[in-house]
Protein backbone atom coordinates (compact mmCIF):
# COMPACT_ATOMS: atom_id res chain seq x y z
CA MET A 1 134.64 117.66 144.73
CA HIS A 2 134.21 120.11 141.85
CA LEU A 3 136.27 117.91 139.52
CA GLU A 4 134.06 114.91 140.31
CA ALA A 5 130.94 116.87 139.27
CA ILE A 6 132.61 117.86 135.99
CA GLU A 7 133.61 114.25 135.33
CA VAL A 8 130.06 113.03 136.01
CA ALA A 9 128.63 115.69 133.68
CA ARG A 10 131.13 114.68 130.98
CA LEU A 11 130.17 111.01 131.33
CA HIS A 12 126.45 111.86 131.12
CA ALA A 13 127.09 113.87 127.95
CA ALA A 14 129.04 110.96 126.44
CA VAL A 15 126.21 108.54 127.18
CA ARG A 16 123.65 110.89 125.60
CA ALA A 17 125.86 111.27 122.52
CA ASN A 18 126.18 107.50 122.17
CA ILE A 19 122.41 107.07 122.43
CA ASP A 20 121.81 109.78 119.81
CA ASP A 21 124.47 108.27 117.55
CA ALA A 22 122.87 104.82 117.76
CA ARG A 23 119.42 106.29 117.05
CA VAL A 24 120.62 108.11 113.90
CA TRP A 25 122.43 105.14 112.44
CA ARG A 26 119.59 102.73 113.29
CA TRP A 27 117.22 105.13 111.47
CA TYR A 28 119.58 105.21 108.47
CA ALA A 29 120.01 101.41 108.39
CA ASP A 30 116.25 100.84 108.52
CA LEU A 31 115.67 103.22 105.60
CA MET A 32 118.50 101.67 103.58
CA GLU A 33 117.03 98.21 104.15
CA ASP A 34 113.64 99.44 102.91
CA GLU A 35 115.31 101.25 99.97
CA ARG A 36 113.81 104.58 101.07
CA VAL A 37 117.03 106.60 101.26
CA SER A 38 119.55 107.51 98.59
CA CYS A 39 122.99 109.02 99.11
CA THR A 40 124.69 110.89 96.29
CA ARG A 41 128.23 112.25 96.20
CA THR A 42 128.17 115.83 94.92
CA ARG A 43 130.93 118.33 94.23
CA GLY A 44 130.19 120.03 97.54
CA GLY A 45 129.85 116.90 99.65
CA TRP A 46 126.91 114.53 100.09
CA GLN A 47 123.21 114.70 99.34
CA VAL A 48 120.83 112.44 101.28
CA THR A 49 117.27 112.06 99.99
CA VAL A 50 114.52 110.28 101.93
CA ASP A 51 111.43 108.96 100.14
CA GLY A 52 112.29 111.12 97.14
CA ARG A 53 111.24 114.34 98.87
CA ALA A 54 113.26 115.26 101.96
CA SER A 55 116.74 116.16 100.74
CA VAL A 56 119.72 117.63 102.60
CA GLU A 57 123.32 118.36 101.67
CA ASP A 58 126.41 118.57 103.82
CA ASP A 59 130.19 118.55 103.41
CA SER A 60 130.51 115.19 105.15
CA PHE A 61 128.50 111.99 104.81
CA ASP A 62 128.06 111.81 108.58
CA GLY A 63 126.76 115.37 108.70
CA ALA A 64 124.34 114.79 105.82
CA VAL A 65 122.88 111.67 107.45
CA ARG A 66 122.51 113.43 110.80
CA ARG A 67 120.83 116.46 109.21
CA ALA A 68 118.49 114.20 107.22
CA ALA A 69 117.54 112.30 110.38
CA GLN A 70 116.88 115.57 112.18
CA LEU A 71 114.82 116.94 109.29
CA TRP A 72 112.91 113.68 108.88
CA SER A 73 112.03 113.44 112.56
CA GLY A 74 110.65 116.98 112.35
CA LEU A 75 108.62 116.13 109.25
CA ALA A 76 107.30 112.92 110.76
CA GLN A 77 106.11 114.78 113.85
CA ALA A 78 104.49 117.52 111.75
CA GLN A 79 102.51 115.08 109.60
CA PRO A 80 98.79 115.04 110.38
CA LYS A 81 97.45 111.78 111.68
CA LEU A 82 95.19 110.07 109.20
CA HIS A 83 92.11 108.42 110.58
CA ARG A 84 90.50 105.47 108.89
CA ARG A 85 87.09 106.24 107.49
CA ARG A 86 84.23 104.09 108.57
CA LYS A 87 82.49 102.00 105.98
CA THR A 88 78.94 102.96 106.86
CA ALA A 89 77.42 101.84 103.55
CA ALA A 90 78.88 98.35 103.91
CA ASN A 91 77.64 98.13 107.49
CA ARG A 92 74.13 99.17 106.44
CA ASN A 93 74.07 96.53 103.69
CA ALA A 94 75.27 93.84 106.11
CA THR A 95 72.60 94.84 108.63
CA ALA A 96 69.90 94.82 105.93
CA ASN A 97 71.04 91.39 104.69
CA ALA A 98 71.03 89.99 108.22
CA THR A 99 67.53 91.34 108.79
CA LEU A 100 66.34 89.86 105.50
CA LEU A 101 67.83 86.45 106.36
CA ALA A 102 66.22 86.53 109.78
CA GLN A 103 62.84 87.23 108.18
CA VAL A 104 63.24 84.40 105.66
CA TRP A 105 64.07 81.82 108.35
């Protein structure tokens, strides 16, 4: 019975690893397609730069991509949400014009 529990735990860990692996490489492929990521071979390994600002280095290409994805997900979550400003002046002018037209007719 104990061996079955260990086997189930191992299978769950493998599934989680596959999901994480797919997420990282999907993230990388999307950025490559949008030309937002650059990968440079350095003397010490690989440097991955995202949007010209988030840069990581690692001995292996795989490690550099994974660290960049981890760093980028942390940066994306830390970014403040920008709210669209309302165009109050344009709305006032439109209301004034509508009132003027209503008075003319």
